[in-house]
Amino acid sequence: MSAGRAPAPGGREGGGMKATVAWWDLSGSGQTTASMRRYLAEEAVDRFARVEGLVAKVWIADPATERWGAVLLWESAAAAARPLPPRAAELIGRPPVQHTLFDVEAVVAGPGGLPGPLPAGLVHGAPGL
């Protein structure tokens, strides 16, 4: 267990789905959100569609602040720990400013969202729920 972190309900710390949030500051990198969007269209989307253990990846951008990143949803901690294709870091010239792993508490799709139920996250099966 991580120092200073209480165990998850039911003794499942580290169990279940995980989410990763990673983002870069593109300033001074020679890349823009538009150039990174071309990278998505030309190679990244297809490449990430084949990553084992990846449930979903949402690329995010803020052109006004020159930020580029992604939110990744993983089947497990083991899946989240696997090395990913380093192409974005190669294009940008450095690792992400932030790369954080989170426990997934719940996942839901809105009315216009994904087909079918998504019974995922720690909330499913948590004691007292």
Foldseek 3Di string as FASTA:
>chain_A
DDPPDDAAFPNQVQWFKKKKKFKAQLPPQPDAVVNVVVVCVPPDVVQVVPQPFWPDKDWDADRVRRMTIIMTMGGGPVSVPDDDPCVVCVSSVHGTPDIDMGFFAADAADPPGDPDGDGGGVVVPGPPD
